Every structure is written in structure tokens, then in C-alpha cells.
């Protein structure tokens, strides 16, 4: 979802000048900067690039000032005037193109810098209903928090296999909790972690320091592969492969029965549990807990 946001910014903002900024007061979402400071620092500068690292995305502007660095949280999103916002999963029926949009934190007024161009302004808004996102200004986004405190990005900075194995094995926590730890793997969220573990055939409660080489090889491959496939279709879940757990995991089976099948064609059993404070979905027949999974009594050598 964050790579999709960065791609949208590259399409509608790069090469354009920020001729005005509307920003609303929100001392939670605006972190370490006031809305007035944010607006003043951006106005009059041209967008040179839009990038992402982990779940954080940012604009690189010309000039000597700082750059806007953003994090969506659970409900943050971007919206271009005249279009629907970029929703997580399916777009709800109540979605609207009304302007300014509800829960708006800022709107950028963008204008082409091409000589002789008379194109209309593009208006781009950052929305956040639950106020869990963050908006910052950084002089050097990649070398300052929050990005500087993140771990590897599966698409941008995947470590080699040996370093990956060492990093996993030195932990004793459940593997699902490790994948969600942004200081370990930046950008892996809840459903992505479950998808990785499903394809690697690893139970979410399995402890990291108990893995075999074969398990770690599979985990390493799927950590980058799942992210690569999701990004390749611009996070459009309708284009995810039919054998992905994502397509069957929602609602905990309460609304309708899923149709996910095992490799032999038999119905799969999707179960849910809580690991690392988050709901985890897994396929019981393919992701069996080992002797050191936390759902069982833990022996001293598993700690």
C-alpha cells in the first residue's frame, strides 16, 4: 500500500511546484512540527522525487529546506481531487470525491513547471481518520528517524541469506512477532507476515531460534517474494494469485465459507490466533507448530 502511495506521488507530483499548502491543526499527526511550519517549508518548492522505505514514504523537494516524511498508520491514505482515495483492500461504497475530503490533514496545490504550460492545478490530500499516521519534516530522510531506526526493506535492502539466518536465529520470539518488528524487517505488516509464513509453511508461533536451514531458506525466499508480487500489481488485491491466503483469511470464516484448497485439492483449514498482539491466520494442515511453538509449554532451550 505504501509503495502504491509513492507511485501515485511520482505520477501526480514529481516535477510540479507546490504553489500552496492547506494544513489543519493536529498536534498528534504532525510530529515535531506545526501545521504552519509544515506549510511554510513546502510552499514554493518543486517536487524532485517520491520514495519509500518500509512503511514510510517521503517527497524530495528542491532547495535547502526539509522534506515531508509520512507514515499512514492504520487509516492514512492519499486522495487526488476528482478521484477516490487509495483505500486499503476494497473501496467502500460510502467513498466520496467530495472536496476537501473528510479527515484531511493537508492538501498540496501542485502546478506544472514546464515552460508555457497552462495546466490546471493538481490538488493532493493526506487523510487520516483515526489519527494514527505521522507527518514529519526531515533534512535527510534516509539518515534520520523514523527511517534510520528501521531494519532491512525486503525490496530495497534484503540482506544476504547468511546474515538473514543469523539475525533470525539470535531471537527467541515467535516468528510472526519478529516479522512485524519494523527494526527487523521494515514494511512487513500483519497480512503480509501471514502470507510469508503461509508460503514458507511455517507456523506463526514457531520460535526463531529453533528453525532448520530449510525453514530459513523458505522464509528468506518468501519474505522478498510476497512483497515483490504485491508491489508488482500495485497492491490491487483483485490481482493477487488465487492461491494466496489473503483472498480467504478475512472475517474469520463467520460470513461465508472460504474455498482455499490444499495442494492435493482437499479443503484447507484456516485457523486464527493472536501472536505479538495481532490476529494471525494460518493453514493448519500446512503450518504445523513445532515442539518450541509458544502454544505449548516451553522448555529452557527454547527461550
Protein backbone atom coordinates (compact mmCIF):
# COMPACT_ATOMS: atom_id res chain seq x y z
CA UNK A 1 0.00 0.00 0.00
CA UNK A 2 2.85 2.41 0.78
CA UNK A 3 4.65 1.66 -2.46
CA UNK A 4 1.37 2.39 -4.24
CA UNK A 5 1.27 5.77 -2.49
CA UNK A 6 4.84 6.56 -3.54
CA UNK A 7 3.99 5.58 -7.11
CA UNK A 8 0.96 7.91 -7.06
CA UNK A 9 3.15 10.76 -5.86
CA UNK A 10 5.64 10.11 -8.66
CA UNK A 11 2.78 10.24 -11.17
CA UNK A 12 1.00 13.38 -9.98
CA UNK A 13 3.57 15.42 -8.04
CA UNK A 14 7.11 14.94 -9.36
CA UNK A 15 8.22 17.88 -11.48
CA UNK A 16 5.50 20.15 -10.14
CA UNK A 17 5.76 23.17 -7.88
CA UNK A 18 3.93 23.40 -4.59
CA UNK A 19 2.18 26.74 -5.02
CA UNK A 20 0.09 26.48 -1.87
CA UNK A 21 -0.42 24.24 1.15
CA UNK A 22 -3.58 23.86 3.22
CA UNK A 23 -3.00 22.22 6.59
CA UNK A 24 -5.30 21.66 9.56
CA UNK A 25 -4.30 21.74 13.21
CA UNK A 26 -3.45 18.27 14.53
CA UNK A 27 -0.74 18.04 17.17
CA UNK A 28 -0.83 14.23 17.05
CA UNK A 29 -0.42 13.60 13.32
CA UNK A 30 2.02 16.48 12.79
CA UNK A 31 5.04 15.21 14.73
CA UNK A 32 7.66 17.71 15.84
CA UNK A 33 6.33 20.38 13.51
CA UNK A 34 3.32 22.68 13.49
CA UNK A 35 0.94 22.88 10.57
CA UNK A 36 2.14 26.44 9.94
CA UNK A 37 5.80 25.36 9.82
CA UNK A 38 4.91 22.45 7.54
CA UNK A 39 3.05 24.66 5.09
CA UNK A 40 5.71 27.39 5.07
CA UNK A 41 8.56 24.92 4.48
CA UNK A 42 6.89 23.31 1.45
CA UNK A 43 5.33 26.29 -0.29
CA UNK A 44 7.20 27.48 -3.37
CA UNK A 45 9.40 24.37 -3.73
CA UNK A 46 9.36 21.82 -6.56
CA UNK A 47 8.92 18.09 -6.05
CA UNK A 48 12.00 16.30 -7.41
CA UNK A 49 11.21 12.71 -6.39
CA UNK A 50 8.97 10.47 -4.24
CA UNK A 51 10.40 7.43 -2.47
CA UNK A 52 9.55 4.80 0.11
CA UNK A 53 11.41 2.82 2.75
CA UNK A 54 9.44 0.29 4.75
CA UNK A 55 6.08 1.81 5.65
CA UNK A 56 7.44 5.34 5.40
CA UNK A 57 7.25 7.46 2.25
CA UNK A 58 8.63 10.88 1.51
CA UNK A 59 8.94 13.68 -1.02
CA UNK A 60 12.30 15.12 -2.04
CA UNK A 61 12.00 18.84 -2.77
CA UNK A 62 14.40 21.32 -4.32
CA UNK A 63 16.11 23.96 -2.22
CA UNK A 64 17.76 23.83 1.17
CA UNK A 65 14.74 23.13 3.36
CA UNK A 66 13.50 19.94 4.94
CA UNK A 67 11.44 17.27 3.18
CA UNK A 68 8.00 15.87 4.12
CA UNK A 69 8.20 12.33 5.55
CA UNK A 70 4.93 10.48 6.09
CA UNK A 71 3.56 7.30 7.65
CA UNK A 72 -0.04 6.15 7.14
CA UNK A 73 -0.64 4.27 10.39
CA UNK A 74 -3.82 2.17 10.11
CA UNK A 75 -6.14 4.53 8.23
CA UNK A 76 -3.95 7.05 6.42
CA UNK A 77 -4.36 7.46 2.66
CA UNK A 78 -3.83 9.84 -0.24
CA UNK A 79 -6.50 11.36 -2.44
CA UNK A 80 -6.25 13.37 -5.63
CA UNK A 81 -9.05 15.86 -6.26
CA UNK A 82 -11.62 14.37 -8.58
CA UNK A 83 -10.64 10.79 -7.72
CA UNK A 84 -11.45 8.33 -4.96
CA UNK A 85 -8.90 7.87 -2.21
CA UNK A 86 -6.48 4.91 -2.30
CA UNK A 87 -8.16 2.58 0.16
CA UNK A 88 -6.67 -0.46 1.87
CA UNK A 89 -8.42 -3.51 0.35
CA UNK A 90 -11.71 -2.74 -1.41
CA UNK A 91 -13.07 0.79 -1.79
CA UNK A 92 -16.14 1.19 0.47
CA UNK A 93 -19.49 2.16 -1.01
CA UNK A 94 -19.53 5.36 1.04
CA UNK A 95 -16.29 6.56 -0.57
CA UNK A 96 -16.62 10.06 -1.99
CA UNK A 97 -14.86 12.54 -4.22
CA UNK A 98 -16.19 15.45 -2.15
CA UNK A 99 -13.58 18.16 -1.68
CA UNK A 100 -11.96 18.93 0.66
CA UNK A 101 -12.18 15.32 1.87
CA UNK A 102 -13.07 14.35 5.43
CA UNK A 103 -10.18 13.76 7.82
CA UNK A 104 -7.84 15.80 5.65
CA UNK A 105 -4.56 16.80 7.33
CA UNK A 106 -3.03 18.70 4.43
CA UNK A 107 -3.63 19.48 0.77
CA UNK A 108 -0.84 20.28 -1.68
CA UNK A 109 -1.65 22.60 -4.59
CA UNK A 110 0.66 21.47 -7.38
CA UNK A 111 1.36 23.25 -10.64
CA UNK A 112 3.44 22.21 -13.64
CA UNK A 113 6.81 23.92 -14.02
CA UNK A 114 7.02 23.30 -17.77
CA UNK A 115 7.56 26.44 -19.80
CA UNK A 116 4.35 27.78 -21.32
CA UNK A 117 2.22 25.17 -19.53
CA UNK A 118 -1.27 26.30 -18.58
CA UNK A 119 -2.42 23.11 -16.94
CA UNK A 120 -4.79 23.28 -14.00
CA UNK A 121 -3.51 22.77 -10.50
CA UNK A 122 -3.41 19.24 -9.11
CA UNK A 123 -4.69 19.01 -5.54
CA UNK A 124 -3.35 16.15 -3.43
CA UNK A 125 -4.60 15.42 0.11
CA UNK A 126 -3.30 13.34 3.01
CA UNK A 127 -6.19 11.84 5.03
CA UNK A 128 -6.17 10.07 8.39
CA UNK A 129 -9.45 9.20 10.13
CA UNK A 130 -8.03 7.58 13.27
CA UNK A 131 -5.03 9.93 13.59
CA UNK A 132 -2.52 7.06 13.78
CA UNK A 133 -0.39 8.38 10.91
CA UNK A 134 2.52 10.77 11.27
CA UNK A 135 3.74 13.73 9.23
CA UNK A 136 7.28 14.97 9.77
CA UNK A 137 9.91 17.19 8.19
CA UNK A 138 13.43 15.80 7.80
CA UNK A 139 16.59 17.31 6.36
CA UNK A 140 17.88 13.87 5.30
CA UNK A 141 15.01 11.34 5.31
CA UNK A 142 17.13 8.19 4.96
CA UNK A 143 19.55 9.06 7.78
CA UNK A 144 17.09 10.44 10.33
CA UNK A 145 14.32 8.81 12.36
CA UNK A 146 11.99 7.18 11.66
CA UNK A 147 13.73 5.59 8.66
CA UNK A 148 17.17 5.39 10.29
CA UNK A 149 15.74 3.14 13.04
CA UNK A 150 14.18 0.64 10.63
CA UNK A 151 15.53 -2.75 9.62
CA UNK A 152 16.01 -4.08 6.09
CA UNK A 153 13.42 -3.41 3.41
CA UNK A 154 12.54 -6.70 1.60
CA UNK A 155 12.55 -4.94 -1.77
CA UNK A 156 15.26 -2.32 -1.31
CA UNK A 157 17.84 -3.79 1.06
CA UNK A 158 17.30 -7.51 1.59
CA UNK A 159 20.36 -8.94 3.40
CA UNK A 160 22.18 -11.97 2.06
CA UNK A 161 20.96 -15.38 3.21
CA UNK A 162 23.70 -15.95 5.80
CA UNK A 163 23.13 -12.62 7.53
CA UNK A 164 19.39 -13.25 7.44
CA UNK A 165 19.75 -16.63 9.14
CA UNK A 166 21.99 -15.21 11.85
CA UNK A 167 19.59 -12.35 12.52
CA UNK A 168 16.62 -14.72 12.88
CA UNK A 169 18.34 -17.37 14.96
CA UNK A 170 19.61 -14.93 17.58
CA UNK A 171 15.98 -14.17 18.51
CA UNK A 172 13.80 -16.36 20.71
CA UNK A 173 10.45 -14.71 20.00
CA UNK A 174 7.68 -16.18 17.79
CA UNK A 175 8.50 -15.67 14.11
CA UNK A 176 5.29 -13.71 13.46
CA UNK A 177 6.33 -11.18 16.10
CA UNK A 178 9.78 -10.90 14.50
CA UNK A 179 8.38 -10.21 11.03
CA UNK A 180 6.18 -7.45 12.47
CA UNK A 181 9.14 -5.85 14.25
CA UNK A 182 9.98 -2.90 11.99
CA UNK A 183 13.52 -2.75 13.37
CA UNK A 184 13.99 -6.20 11.81
CA UNK A 185 12.02 -6.08 8.54
CA UNK A 186 10.73 -2.67 7.53
CA UNK A 187 7.42 -2.63 5.70
CA UNK A 188 6.09 -6.08 6.62
CA UNK A 189 2.59 -5.66 8.02
CA UNK A 190 0.14 -8.11 9.53
CA UNK A 191 -1.38 -9.75 6.45
CA UNK A 192 1.97 -9.71 4.62
CA UNK A 193 3.61 -11.56 7.52
CA UNK A 194 0.86 -14.18 7.47
CA UNK A 195 1.24 -14.57 3.71
CA UNK A 196 5.01 -15.04 4.05
CA UNK A 197 4.59 -17.70 6.73
CA UNK A 198 1.85 -19.49 4.77
CA UNK A 199 4.01 -19.86 1.66
CA UNK A 200 7.06 -20.76 3.74
CA UNK A 201 4.96 -23.43 5.54
CA UNK A 202 5.92 -22.05 8.95
CA UNK A 203 3.61 -21.78 11.97
CA UNK A 204 3.31 -18.17 13.25
CA UNK A 205 4.13 -19.20 16.84
CA UNK A 206 7.33 -21.06 15.95
CA UNK A 207 10.29 -19.68 17.87
CA UNK A 208 13.02 -18.11 15.77
CA UNK A 209 15.97 -19.90 17.37
CA UNK A 210 14.57 -23.35 16.54
CA UNK A 211 14.49 -23.11 12.74
CA UNK A 212 16.23 -25.53 10.42
CA UNK A 213 18.21 -24.31 7.42
CA UNK A 214 15.40 -25.48 5.15
CA UNK A 215 12.83 -23.43 7.04
CA UNK A 216 15.02 -20.34 6.96
CA UNK A 217 15.66 -20.77 3.23
CA UNK A 218 11.90 -20.79 2.65
CA UNK A 219 11.33 -17.84 4.99
CA UNK A 220 14.06 -15.83 3.26
CA UNK A 221 12.64 -16.52 -0.21
CA UNK A 222 9.03 -15.72 0.70
CA UNK A 223 9.87 -12.54 2.63
CA UNK A 224 11.01 -10.88 -0.57
CA UNK A 225 8.74 -12.79 -2.98
CA UNK A 226 5.43 -11.91 -1.31
CA UNK A 227 6.38 -8.24 -1.20
CA UNK A 228 7.56 -8.32 -4.81
CA UNK A 229 4.30 -9.81 -6.09
CA UNK A 230 2.12 -7.41 -4.08
CA UNK A 231 4.02 -4.39 -5.39
CA UNK A 232 4.06 -5.70 -8.98
CA UNK A 233 0.24 -5.42 -9.11
CA UNK A 234 0.20 -2.04 -7.34
CA UNK A 235 -1.33 -3.61 -4.19
CA UNK A 236 -4.52 -4.41 -6.13
CA UNK A 237 -5.76 -7.44 -4.18
CA UNK A 238 -8.05 -8.49 -7.05
CA UNK A 239 -4.85 -9.32 -8.95
CA UNK A 240 -3.21 -11.33 -6.17
CA UNK A 241 -2.65 -15.02 -7.06
CA UNK A 242 -5.60 -17.31 -6.38
CA UNK A 243 -3.53 -19.46 -4.03
CA UNK A 244 -2.78 -16.57 -1.67
CA UNK A 245 -4.14 -16.79 1.86
CA UNK A 246 -5.09 -13.11 1.60
CA UNK A 247 -8.09 -13.95 -0.55
CA UNK A 248 -9.62 -16.25 2.09
CA UNK A 249 -8.50 -15.00 5.52
CA UNK A 250 -10.97 -12.19 6.20
CA UNK A 251 -13.92 -12.38 8.59
CA UNK A 252 -12.55 -15.41 10.45
CA UNK A 253 -14.93 -17.61 8.47
CA UNK A 254 -18.04 -16.06 10.06
CA UNK A 255 -19.59 -14.51 6.94
CA UNK A 256 -19.09 -17.28 4.42
CA UNK A 257 -17.06 -20.43 3.99
CA UNK A 258 -13.75 -19.99 2.21
CA UNK A 259 -12.74 -22.04 -0.83
CA UNK A 260 -8.98 -22.33 -0.26
CA UNK A 261 -7.72 -25.80 -1.07
CA UNK A 262 -4.61 -27.76 -0.21
CA UNK A 263 -2.13 -28.88 -2.89
CA UNK A 264 -3.97 -32.22 -3.08
CA UNK A 265 -7.28 -30.47 -3.75
CA UNK A 266 -8.82 -31.08 -0.34
CA UNK A 267 -10.34 -28.16 1.62
CA UNK A 268 -7.85 -26.21 3.72
CA UNK A 269 -8.49 -25.45 7.39
CA UNK A 270 -7.82 -21.78 8.15
CA UNK A 271 -7.36 -21.02 11.83
CA UNK A 272 -6.75 -17.79 13.72
CA UNK A 273 -4.75 -16.97 16.81
CA UNK A 274 -3.12 -13.95 18.41
CA UNK A 275 0.65 -13.54 18.14
CA UNK A 276 2.54 -10.39 19.03
CA UNK A 277 -0.75 -8.70 19.81
CA UNK A 278 -2.06 -9.20 16.26
CA UNK A 279 -4.55 -11.64 14.77
CA UNK A 280 -2.75 -14.28 12.73
CA UNK A 281 -4.30 -16.53 10.08
CA UNK A 282 -2.68 -19.82 9.12
CA UNK A 283 -3.50 -23.13 7.41
CA UNK A 284 -3.45 -25.93 9.95
CA UNK A 285 -2.52 -28.72 7.53
CA UNK A 286 0.48 -26.86 6.08
CA UNK A 287 1.75 -24.80 9.03
CA UNK A 288 2.13 -27.22 11.91
CA UNK A 289 3.61 -25.99 15.20
CA UNK A 290 6.98 -27.41 16.19
CA UNK A 291 7.99 -28.53 19.63
CA UNK A 292 9.00 -25.00 20.62
CA UNK A 293 5.94 -23.10 19.44
CA UNK A 294 4.61 -20.87 22.21
CA UNK A 295 1.19 -22.56 22.29
CA UNK A 296 2.93 -25.46 24.07
CA UNK A 297 4.93 -25.50 27.32
CA UNK A 298 8.33 -24.01 26.58
CA UNK A 299 11.47 -25.87 27.59
CA UNK A 300 14.53 -23.87 28.74
CA UNK A 301 16.39 -24.45 25.46
CA UNK A 302 13.58 -22.69 23.56
CA UNK A 303 13.98 -19.43 25.47
